Amino acid sequence: MPLTRNTSFHRLGAHSSTSSSPLSSSARCGCRSLLFAPMVKLNTLQLPSKRLVLSYIIDWFVILYGSLHFVLLVGVPVPRAIAGVGGGVHYADPYYRPFSVIDLGISFPHQRNETVPPWLLVVLAMIIPGVTIFVVCLILLPGPTADKNTPKLLIWRRKFWEWNTGWMGLGLSLASAFFITESLKNLFGKPRPDMLSRCNPSLDRLNDPNIVVGGYGQDISNRWVLVTREICLQTDRQFLNDGFRSFPSGHSSFGWAGLLYLSLFLCSKFSIGIPFLHPTQYTQNPQYTAHEKKQVSTLPRFRSRSPPRSLGEIVIPRSLSSSTAGNDEREGRPRRERGTPSSSVVVPLRNRAAAPPIPHLVLAFIPVAVAAWISTTRYTDFRHRGIDIFVGIIIGSCTAWGAFRWYHLPIRRGAGWSWGARSRKRAFGIGVGEGNYVGTEGWGERAVEEGRSEEPLER
C-alpha cells in the first residue's frame, strides 16, 4: 500500500519493535498494517487546519453576499432577513437625471417580454458555467501526468480544490460585475431608451416651475425644456426607477463576467492559447531558423538529471555526447552550434510550440459568442444604447479576467492548474516584508517535520 514518510505508522512501528512479543517481526509488521491502514490514508490526505478553512469560509461568505443581490433581482424567494442584508444596492433609489419629453432617444416603446429575461441570464451566465466547471474538475482532473500509485484520497483532494477555486473565481467575477454595474447605474441615473413610455408624462405640467429645471427653447415651444421625474404619472415606483438605470448594461456585464470566465477556464484546462515563443538568448546560429536537411518525426530526447542550459537547448549526457555527435546530421537532427557545450543540441524555434486543434478553439469561443448575443438583445429590446452595452462588456471582461487570474495560473505557463491554498499562519493576512501568502509551515493542521518527504513509497 502507498505510505508516506510523515505518517504515524512509522513512529508506531518503531515504538512497537522494542517491546517483547512471541510474534516475529514480520508478523508484527503485518498486524500493524491491518490495524492502522485507515490512519495511514487519513495522514496521507493531511486535513487542512481549521484556521485556513475558516478563512476560506469567510471568502465564500463575501462572494455569496454579492451574488445574493442578483438572486434578489431575479425574484427568487429568500428569507426576509437575508433580503435586508443583500438587497441594498439594487433597491436603492437612483439619481434622477432631468430629461426632455421631446427627446427621441428615450421615446422607444417599452417591451414587456425581454429576449433574455433575468432568470435566463442566471442560467446562461451562472448555472451553466458552474455545472461545466464541476464536470471538468470531476472527469478530467488530475490529468494524465498523475502517477498511477497516487492515493485516491489525494486525487479527490486535488479535484475538490480545483472545483473550489473554479467556483470561487466564477462567484468573484459575477459578484464584482454586479456590484460595480448596479452602483454605477444608481450614480449616473441615465434614462433608458424607453424612458418616456415608462414615465407616461403629464404634458399639462410643462409650465410648472417646480418641474422645469432648464432649457432655452420656451420661445419656440413649451416642450423644449428639461423636466424632473415629477412629471411622470407612473405609479409603480420600482418600474419607474428602473427607467433611470440605463448606464451601464447589467445584462452585458453579468453575461460577460460569467461566460468569459468560463471561456478562460476552458482555455486553461485544455491548453487553448496562441502558440508562444519563450524569450531566449540572442544568437546568430542559423540552425534555429534554417530548414532541416532530413525529415524527422520526433524531437531529440535524452535522459538526464541535469537541467537544460538554456531554453533553446536539450541536454545530452556526456557519456552519450561522443557517440551521438557524429550522428546528428545523419539522423536529421540540427547540428550543434560551434562554441556551444558538447552536451546540448539546438531545437529549432518552430518546434517549440504548436497551434491547438480548431475544435478546442470552437469550444472556448462558444461562451464568448453567447455573451455577445446577450449584449445585442439589450439593444434590440430598447433597454440600452450602444455605449451602455460597450461599457458593460468592459466591466464584465475585466472582472472575469481579474477573478480568473486571482485563483488560476497563467494559461500558457500554468499547465491548467489553479493556485494552491494559503499557508496556515498566513490565512487571514501577512505583515510587511513577508512577500506572499505561502509560507514554510504549509496549510495542514500540523507542520510537516523537517527532512520528511510527502512522496509516496511502495511497500
Protein backbone atom coordinates (compact mmCIF):
# COMPACT_ATOMS: atom_id res chain seq x y z
CA MET A 1 0.00 0.00 0.00
CA PRO A 2 1.24 3.57 -0.61
CA LEU A 3 2.65 5.12 2.54
CA THR A 4 4.23 8.46 3.35
CA ARG A 5 7.29 9.15 5.38
CA ASN A 6 5.50 11.53 7.70
CA THR A 7 2.74 9.16 8.80
CA SER A 8 2.32 7.93 12.36
CA PHE A 9 2.67 4.38 11.04
CA HIS A 10 6.47 4.57 11.13
CA ARG A 11 6.56 6.09 14.59
CA LEU A 12 4.19 3.49 15.94
CA GLY A 13 6.15 0.74 14.23
CA ALA A 14 9.44 1.90 15.68
CA HIS A 15 7.95 2.01 19.16
CA SER A 16 6.39 -1.43 18.90
CA SER A 17 9.57 -3.11 17.68
CA THR A 18 11.26 -2.52 21.04
CA SER A 19 8.65 -4.44 23.01
CA SER A 20 8.89 -8.16 23.55
CA SER A 21 6.36 -10.35 21.79
CA PRO A 22 6.13 -14.00 20.78
CA LEU A 23 5.31 -12.90 17.23
CA SER A 24 8.06 -12.50 14.68
CA SER A 25 8.97 -9.05 13.38
CA SER A 26 7.36 -9.74 10.01
CA ALA A 27 4.12 -10.83 11.67
CA ARG A 28 4.06 -7.73 13.85
CA CYS A 29 4.52 -5.55 10.76
CA GLY A 30 1.60 -7.31 9.06
CA CYS A 31 -0.64 -6.76 12.07
CA ARG A 32 0.23 -3.09 12.27
CA SER A 33 -0.52 -2.69 8.54
CA LEU A 34 -4.03 -4.03 9.06
CA LEU A 35 -4.75 -2.12 12.26
CA PHE A 36 -3.54 1.29 11.18
CA ALA A 37 -4.44 1.30 7.46
CA PRO A 38 -7.26 3.87 7.89
CA MET A 39 -4.90 6.10 9.86
CA VAL A 40 -2.32 5.94 7.08
CA LYS A 41 -4.88 7.05 4.49
CA LEU A 42 -6.02 9.93 6.70
CA ASN A 43 -2.48 11.13 7.24
CA THR A 44 -1.82 10.84 3.52
CA LEU A 45 -4.76 13.19 2.96
CA GLN A 46 -3.50 15.58 5.69
CA LEU A 47 -6.57 17.65 6.52
CA PRO A 48 -6.19 21.45 6.33
CA SER A 49 -6.08 23.48 9.52
CA LYS A 50 -9.26 24.91 11.00
CA ARG A 51 -7.79 28.39 10.75
CA LEU A 52 -7.31 28.02 6.99
CA VAL A 53 -10.77 26.52 6.47
CA LEU A 54 -12.33 29.42 8.38
CA SER A 55 -10.53 31.95 6.19
CA TYR A 56 -11.94 30.38 3.02
CA ILE A 57 -15.41 30.19 4.57
CA ILE A 58 -15.21 33.94 5.06
CA ASP A 59 -14.15 34.32 1.42
CA TRP A 60 -17.17 32.31 0.33
CA PHE A 61 -19.46 34.39 2.57
CA VAL A 62 -18.30 37.62 0.94
CA ILE A 63 -18.73 36.16 -2.55
CA LEU A 64 -22.19 34.77 -1.81
CA TYR A 65 -23.20 38.06 -0.22
CA GLY A 66 -22.53 39.77 -3.52
CA SER A 67 -24.13 37.02 -5.60
CA LEU A 68 -27.28 37.21 -3.48
CA HIS A 69 -28.00 40.65 -4.89
CA PHE A 70 -28.68 39.19 -8.30
CA VAL A 71 -30.76 36.37 -6.84
CA LEU A 72 -32.97 39.02 -5.25
CA LEU A 73 -33.13 40.92 -8.52
CA VAL A 74 -34.41 37.84 -10.34
CA GLY A 75 -37.13 37.41 -7.73
CA VAL A 76 -36.18 34.09 -6.12
CA PRO A 77 -37.93 33.87 -2.70
CA VAL A 78 -35.45 34.24 0.17
CA PRO A 79 -35.91 34.89 3.91
CA ARG A 80 -36.66 38.50 4.83
CA ALA A 81 -33.54 38.80 6.98
CA ILE A 82 -31.31 37.78 4.09
CA ALA A 83 -33.15 40.13 1.77
CA GLY A 84 -32.48 43.03 4.12
CA VAL A 85 -28.74 42.27 4.02
CA GLY A 86 -28.38 41.56 0.32
CA GLY A 87 -30.84 43.85 -1.46
CA GLY A 88 -29.45 47.25 -0.61
CA VAL A 89 -27.71 48.23 -3.82
CA HIS A 90 -30.35 47.34 -6.40
CA TYR A 91 -33.35 48.60 -4.46
CA ALA A 92 -31.80 51.97 -3.58
CA ASP A 93 -33.26 54.93 -5.46
CA PRO A 94 -31.08 56.06 -8.38
CA TYR A 95 -30.14 59.58 -9.34
CA TYR A 96 -32.95 61.03 -11.48
CA ARG A 97 -31.31 62.80 -14.40
CA PRO A 98 -33.50 65.53 -15.96
CA PHE A 99 -34.84 64.73 -19.42
CA SER A 100 -36.89 66.21 -22.24
CA VAL A 101 -40.29 64.94 -23.28
CA ILE A 102 -39.38 65.54 -26.96
CA ASP A 103 -36.10 63.59 -26.82
CA LEU A 104 -36.43 60.88 -29.47
CA GLY A 105 -33.55 58.94 -27.90
CA ILE A 106 -35.77 57.98 -24.94
CA SER A 107 -39.03 57.64 -26.90
CA PHE A 108 -38.77 53.94 -27.84
CA PRO A 109 -41.65 51.67 -26.82
CA HIS A 110 -41.29 49.52 -23.73
CA GLN A 111 -41.24 45.79 -24.40
CA ARG A 112 -42.59 43.71 -21.55
CA ASN A 113 -41.22 40.42 -22.88
CA GLU A 114 -37.43 40.58 -22.94
CA THR A 115 -35.43 38.30 -25.22
CA VAL A 116 -33.17 37.37 -22.29
CA PRO A 117 -35.11 37.79 -19.04
CA PRO A 118 -33.17 37.85 -15.75
CA TRP A 119 -33.84 34.18 -14.95
CA LEU A 120 -32.45 33.09 -18.32
CA LEU A 121 -29.41 35.31 -17.76
CA VAL A 122 -28.75 33.48 -14.48
CA VAL A 123 -28.98 30.12 -16.26
CA LEU A 124 -26.65 31.15 -19.08
CA ALA A 125 -24.07 33.13 -17.12
CA MET A 126 -24.01 31.40 -13.73
CA ILE A 127 -25.63 27.95 -13.65
CA ILE A 128 -24.26 26.56 -16.94
CA PRO A 129 -20.69 27.79 -16.25
CA GLY A 130 -20.89 26.38 -12.71
CA VAL A 131 -22.05 22.97 -13.92
CA THR A 132 -19.40 22.93 -16.66
CA ILE A 133 -16.63 23.72 -14.17
CA PHE A 134 -17.86 20.95 -11.87
CA VAL A 135 -17.96 18.36 -14.66
CA VAL A 136 -14.50 19.30 -15.97
CA CYS A 137 -12.96 19.07 -12.50
CA LEU A 138 -14.73 15.79 -11.79
CA ILE A 139 -13.82 13.99 -15.02
CA LEU A 140 -10.64 15.49 -16.47
CA LEU A 141 -8.59 16.08 -13.32
CA PRO A 142 -5.90 15.46 -12.23
CA GLY A 143 -4.90 14.58 -15.81
CA PRO A 144 -2.53 12.11 -17.48
CA THR A 145 0.50 13.31 -15.51
CA ALA A 146 -0.79 11.81 -12.25
CA ASP A 147 1.17 8.80 -11.06
CA LYS A 148 -0.74 5.51 -11.03
CA ASN A 149 0.34 4.90 -7.44
CA THR A 150 -1.05 8.20 -6.18
CA PRO A 151 -3.55 7.60 -3.33
CA LYS A 152 -7.18 8.05 -4.32
CA LEU A 153 -7.76 10.44 -1.43
CA LEU A 154 -5.01 12.71 -2.74
CA ILE A 155 -6.58 12.69 -6.21
CA TRP A 156 -10.00 13.59 -4.83
CA ARG A 157 -8.45 16.33 -2.74
CA ARG A 158 -7.00 17.87 -5.90
CA LYS A 159 -10.35 17.53 -7.69
CA PHE A 160 -12.11 19.24 -4.81
CA TRP A 161 -9.59 22.09 -4.68
CA GLU A 162 -9.78 22.76 -8.42
CA TRP A 163 -13.57 22.70 -8.19
CA ASN A 164 -13.48 25.07 -5.19
CA THR A 165 -11.19 27.58 -6.89
CA GLY A 166 -13.19 27.32 -10.12
CA TRP A 167 -16.41 28.23 -8.37
CA MET A 168 -14.79 30.89 -6.20
CA GLY A 169 -13.41 32.59 -9.30
CA LEU A 170 -16.80 32.41 -11.03
CA GLY A 171 -18.56 33.82 -7.97
CA LEU A 172 -16.00 36.59 -7.55
CA SER A 173 -16.35 37.58 -11.20
CA LEU A 174 -20.16 37.69 -11.13
CA ALA A 175 -20.41 39.41 -7.74
CA SER A 176 -17.83 42.06 -8.67
CA ALA A 177 -19.50 42.80 -12.00
CA PHE A 178 -22.92 43.09 -10.37
CA PHE A 179 -21.72 45.38 -7.58
CA ILE A 180 -19.87 47.69 -9.97
CA THR A 181 -22.70 47.82 -12.51
CA GLU A 182 -25.53 48.41 -10.06
CA SER A 183 -23.54 51.09 -8.23
CA LEU A 184 -22.82 52.93 -11.47
CA LYS A 185 -26.45 52.65 -12.54
CA ASN A 186 -27.62 54.41 -9.40
CA LEU A 187 -24.85 57.02 -9.51
CA PHE A 188 -25.39 58.07 -13.14
CA GLY A 189 -29.21 57.76 -13.28
CA LYS A 190 -29.23 57.79 -17.07
CA PRO A 191 -32.69 57.38 -18.68
CA ARG A 192 -33.26 54.25 -20.75
CA PRO A 193 -34.30 54.42 -24.44
CA ASP A 194 -37.87 53.50 -23.36
CA MET A 195 -37.98 56.05 -20.53
CA LEU A 196 -40.95 58.09 -21.78
CA SER A 197 -43.15 55.01 -22.21
CA ARG A 198 -42.37 54.10 -18.59
CA CYS A 199 -42.89 57.65 -17.36
CA ASN A 200 -46.17 58.50 -19.07
CA PRO A 201 -45.52 62.25 -18.66
CA SER A 202 -48.25 64.78 -17.92
CA LEU A 203 -47.78 67.43 -20.62
CA ASP A 204 -50.14 69.81 -18.80
CA ARG A 205 -47.46 70.40 -16.14
CA LEU A 206 -44.77 71.64 -18.51
CA ASN A 207 -45.29 75.17 -17.21
CA ASP A 208 -44.91 74.16 -13.55
CA PRO A 209 -41.70 75.85 -12.23
CA ASN A 210 -41.25 73.01 -9.73
CA ILE A 211 -40.85 70.54 -12.59
CA VAL A 212 -38.99 72.53 -15.26
CA VAL A 213 -35.27 72.68 -14.42
CA GLY A 214 -33.72 74.15 -17.56
CA GLY A 215 -33.90 74.76 -21.28
CA TYR A 216 -33.91 77.78 -23.55
CA GLY A 217 -36.49 76.73 -26.15
CA GLN A 218 -39.60 78.07 -24.44
CA ASP A 219 -39.95 80.80 -27.05
CA ILE A 220 -40.35 78.13 -29.73
CA SER A 221 -42.35 75.57 -27.73
CA ASN A 222 -43.05 74.97 -24.07
CA ARG A 223 -41.94 71.38 -24.57
CA TRP A 224 -38.34 72.37 -25.31
CA VAL A 225 -37.36 72.20 -21.66
CA LEU A 226 -35.76 69.78 -19.21
CA VAL A 227 -38.06 68.34 -16.58
CA THR A 228 -37.76 66.15 -13.50
CA ARG A 229 -39.36 62.80 -12.82
CA GLU A 230 -42.21 64.57 -11.02
CA ILE A 231 -43.86 64.99 -14.39
CA CYS A 232 -44.41 61.24 -14.64
CA LEU A 233 -47.80 59.73 -13.92
CA GLN A 234 -46.36 56.23 -13.42
CA THR A 235 -47.44 54.84 -10.05
CA ASP A 236 -45.11 51.83 -10.00
CA ARG A 237 -42.08 53.40 -8.33
CA GLN A 238 -39.78 50.41 -8.92
CA PHE A 239 -40.72 50.26 -12.60
CA LEU A 240 -40.03 53.98 -12.96
CA ASN A 241 -36.72 53.78 -11.07
CA ASP A 242 -35.52 51.07 -13.41
CA GLY A 243 -36.04 53.50 -16.26
CA PHE A 244 -33.17 55.60 -14.86
CA ARG A 245 -30.68 52.71 -14.84
CA SER A 246 -29.51 52.65 -18.44
CA PHE A 247 -25.76 53.09 -17.91
CA PRO A 248 -24.04 50.63 -17.90
CA SER A 249 -25.77 47.47 -19.15
CA GLY A 250 -26.23 44.92 -16.37
CA HIS A 251 -27.00 42.05 -18.71
CA SER A 252 -23.82 42.73 -20.67
CA SER A 253 -21.56 42.95 -17.62
CA PHE A 254 -23.08 39.92 -15.88
CA GLY A 255 -23.12 37.82 -19.05
CA TRP A 256 -19.51 38.55 -19.94
CA ALA A 257 -18.39 38.13 -16.33
CA GLY A 258 -19.70 34.56 -16.22
CA LEU A 259 -19.22 33.37 -19.80
CA LEU A 260 -15.82 34.93 -20.45
CA TYR A 261 -14.64 33.40 -17.17
CA LEU A 262 -15.88 30.04 -18.42
CA SER A 263 -14.00 30.55 -21.68
CA LEU A 264 -10.77 31.33 -19.80
CA PHE A 265 -11.32 28.31 -17.57
CA LEU A 266 -11.70 26.02 -20.59
CA CYS A 267 -8.64 27.56 -22.26
CA SER A 268 -6.66 26.81 -19.12
CA LYS A 269 -7.79 23.22 -18.68
CA PHE A 270 -7.49 22.32 -22.39
CA SER A 271 -4.32 24.39 -23.03
CA ILE A 272 -6.02 26.56 -25.65
CA GLY A 273 -3.88 29.54 -26.49
CA ILE A 274 -1.91 31.25 -29.22
CA PRO A 275 1.46 29.48 -29.58
CA PHE A 276 4.04 31.32 -27.53
CA LEU A 277 7.80 31.52 -28.01
CA HIS A 278 9.63 31.99 -24.74
CA PRO A 279 12.40 34.60 -24.72
CA THR A 280 15.84 33.16 -25.50
CA GLN A 281 19.35 34.48 -25.67
CA TYR A 282 20.36 36.22 -28.86
CA THR A 283 22.29 34.04 -31.28
CA GLN A 284 23.35 34.13 -34.92
CA ASN A 285 23.24 30.38 -35.28
CA PRO A 286 21.21 29.65 -38.46
CA GLN A 287 20.21 26.23 -37.08
CA TYR A 288 17.45 27.93 -35.07
CA THR A 289 15.58 29.04 -38.19
CA ALA A 290 17.01 27.05 -41.13
CA HIS A 291 15.12 24.23 -42.82
CA GLU A 292 16.14 20.77 -41.63
CA LYS A 293 18.18 18.65 -44.03
CA LYS A 294 16.26 15.48 -43.25
CA GLN A 295 12.68 14.80 -42.22
CA VAL A 296 12.39 13.64 -38.60
CA SER A 297 9.22 12.60 -36.78
CA THR A 298 10.36 13.25 -33.21
CA LEU A 299 12.49 15.76 -31.38
CA PRO A 300 15.75 14.52 -29.83
CA ARG A 301 15.16 13.27 -26.30
CA PHE A 302 17.81 12.15 -23.87
CA ARG A 303 17.56 11.06 -20.26
CA SER A 304 19.45 13.31 -17.91
CA ARG A 305 19.02 14.70 -14.42
CA SER A 306 20.79 17.92 -15.37
CA PRO A 307 18.54 20.86 -16.31
CA PRO A 308 18.80 22.44 -19.78
CA ARG A 309 21.49 25.07 -20.08
CA SER A 310 19.02 27.43 -21.79
CA LEU A 311 15.54 27.42 -23.23
CA GLY A 312 16.87 26.64 -26.70
CA GLU A 313 18.96 23.61 -25.78
CA ILE A 314 18.33 19.97 -24.89
CA VAL A 315 20.93 18.44 -22.60
CA ILE A 316 22.70 15.23 -23.63
CA PRO A 317 24.65 13.21 -21.05
CA ARG A 318 28.37 13.39 -21.59
CA SER A 319 28.50 9.62 -21.90
CA LEU A 320 26.29 9.89 -24.97
CA SER A 321 27.68 13.09 -26.44
CA SER A 322 30.70 11.45 -28.09
CA SER A 323 28.64 8.68 -29.65
CA THR A 324 25.80 10.93 -30.83
CA ALA A 325 27.81 13.92 -32.00
CA GLY A 326 28.70 12.30 -35.32
CA ASN A 327 25.16 11.02 -35.87
CA ASP A 328 23.34 14.36 -35.57
CA GLU A 329 23.47 15.20 -39.27
CA ARG A 330 22.90 11.63 -40.46
CA GLU A 331 19.77 11.24 -38.30
CA GLY A 332 18.30 14.56 -39.34
CA ARG A 333 18.83 16.43 -36.05
CA PRO A 334 20.14 20.01 -36.16
CA ARG A 335 23.90 20.14 -35.93
CA ARG A 336 25.40 21.57 -32.75
CA GLU A 337 26.46 25.16 -32.88
CA ARG A 338 30.16 25.89 -32.82
CA GLY A 339 31.35 27.16 -29.48
CA THR A 340 28.40 25.64 -27.59
CA PRO A 341 28.88 22.93 -24.97
CA SER A 342 29.14 19.39 -26.30
CA SER A 343 26.19 18.41 -24.06
CA SER A 344 23.46 20.27 -25.98
CA VAL A 345 21.73 20.35 -29.34
CA VAL A 346 19.75 23.17 -30.88
CA VAL A 347 15.95 22.91 -31.05
CA PRO A 348 14.57 25.00 -33.93
CA LEU A 349 12.22 27.81 -32.98
CA ARG A 350 9.33 26.33 -34.96
CA ASN A 351 9.46 23.10 -32.93
CA ARG A 352 8.95 24.74 -29.53
CA ALA A 353 5.19 25.28 -29.82
CA ALA A 354 2.22 24.32 -31.97
CA ALA A 355 -1.34 25.52 -32.55
CA PRO A 356 -4.08 23.72 -30.59
CA PRO A 357 -6.80 21.83 -32.52
CA ILE A 358 -9.50 24.02 -34.03
CA PRO A 359 -12.35 22.13 -32.24
CA HIS A 360 -10.78 23.23 -28.96
CA LEU A 361 -10.82 26.81 -30.17
CA VAL A 362 -14.50 26.48 -31.06
CA LEU A 363 -15.19 25.07 -27.60
CA ALA A 364 -13.63 28.11 -25.94
CA PHE A 365 -15.38 30.52 -28.34
CA ILE A 366 -18.94 29.30 -27.66
CA PRO A 367 -19.29 31.06 -24.26
CA VAL A 368 -17.98 34.31 -25.75
CA ALA A 369 -20.48 34.05 -28.61
CA VAL A 370 -23.35 33.56 -26.14
CA ALA A 371 -22.20 36.59 -24.14
CA ALA A 372 -22.11 38.68 -27.33
CA TRP A 373 -25.64 37.55 -28.21
CA ILE A 374 -26.90 38.54 -24.77
CA SER A 375 -25.43 42.02 -25.25
CA THR A 376 -27.08 42.51 -28.65
CA THR A 377 -30.52 41.67 -27.26
CA ARG A 378 -30.31 44.66 -24.91
CA TYR A 379 -30.03 46.93 -27.93
CA THR A 380 -32.87 45.34 -29.88
CA ASP A 381 -35.11 45.30 -26.82
CA PHE A 382 -34.64 49.09 -26.42
CA ARG A 383 -33.14 48.66 -22.95
CA HIS A 384 -29.72 50.26 -23.62
CA ARG A 385 -27.75 52.36 -26.04
CA GLY A 386 -24.55 51.20 -27.67
CA ILE A 387 -22.25 52.95 -25.16
CA ASP A 388 -24.15 51.36 -22.26
CA ILE A 389 -23.58 47.89 -23.71
CA PHE A 390 -19.93 48.59 -24.55
CA VAL A 391 -19.08 49.74 -21.03
CA GLY A 392 -20.96 46.76 -19.59
CA ILE A 393 -18.84 44.42 -21.72
CA ILE A 394 -15.66 46.10 -20.47
CA ILE A 395 -16.75 45.73 -16.83
CA GLY A 396 -17.66 42.06 -17.24
CA SER A 397 -14.47 41.28 -19.15
CA CYS A 398 -12.27 42.96 -16.55
CA THR A 399 -13.90 41.17 -13.62
CA ALA A 400 -13.72 37.84 -15.45
CA TRP A 401 -10.02 38.22 -16.20
CA GLY A 402 -9.23 39.52 -12.72
CA ALA A 403 -11.14 36.73 -10.98
CA PHE A 404 -9.55 34.10 -13.20
CA ARG A 405 -6.02 35.28 -12.50
CA TRP A 406 -6.88 35.64 -8.80
CA TYR A 407 -7.26 31.87 -8.48
CA HIS A 408 -5.58 30.37 -11.57
CA LEU A 409 -2.10 30.27 -13.04
CA PRO A 410 -1.43 31.90 -16.43
CA ILE A 411 -2.95 29.91 -19.29
CA ARG A 412 0.24 29.43 -21.30
CA ARG A 413 2.51 28.61 -18.35
CA GLY A 414 0.25 27.14 -15.68
CA ALA A 415 -0.48 23.73 -17.27
CA GLY A 416 -4.16 24.14 -16.36
CA TRP A 417 -3.74 24.31 -12.58
CA SER A 418 -5.07 26.82 -10.09
CA TRP A 419 -3.04 28.44 -7.35
CA GLY A 420 -2.61 26.42 -4.18
CA ALA A 421 -4.04 27.28 -0.79
CA ARG A 422 -2.68 29.90 1.57
CA SER A 423 -0.42 28.80 4.41
CA ARG A 424 -1.85 28.11 7.82
CA LYS A 425 -0.30 31.09 9.67
CA ARG A 426 -0.99 33.46 6.77
CA ALA A 427 -4.61 32.51 6.22
CA PHE A 428 -6.00 35.89 7.34
CA GLY A 429 -3.20 38.21 6.28
CA ILE A 430 0.51 38.90 6.20
CA GLY A 431 2.77 41.58 7.54
CA VAL A 432 5.21 43.91 5.84
CA GLY A 433 8.19 42.05 4.42
CA GLU A 434 6.61 38.59 4.24
CA GLY A 435 6.08 38.76 0.49
CA ASN A 436 3.15 36.41 -0.22
CA TYR A 437 0.62 34.14 1.43
CA VAL A 438 2.63 30.92 1.13
CA GLY A 439 5.00 30.09 3.98
CA THR A 440 7.15 27.15 5.04
CA GLU A 441 4.63 25.98 7.65
CA GLY A 442 2.23 24.62 5.00
CA TRP A 443 -1.53 24.55 5.17
CA GLY A 444 -2.09 21.35 7.19
CA GLU A 445 -3.28 21.07 10.77
CA ARG A 446 0.28 20.25 11.80
CA ALA A 447 3.50 21.21 10.10
CA VAL A 448 5.44 18.54 8.25
CA GLU A 449 8.61 17.69 10.10
CA GLU A 450 11.79 19.00 8.53
CA GLY A 451 13.53 16.43 6.38
CA ARG A 452 10.46 14.27 5.87
CA SER A 453 9.03 13.91 2.38
CA GLU A 454 5.46 13.64 1.12
CA GLU A 455 6.40 11.44 -1.84
CA PRO A 456 4.59 8.07 -1.81
CA LEU A 457 6.60 4.94 -1.16
CA GLU A 458 5.87 1.37 -2.19
CA ARG A 459 5.81 -1.38 0.43
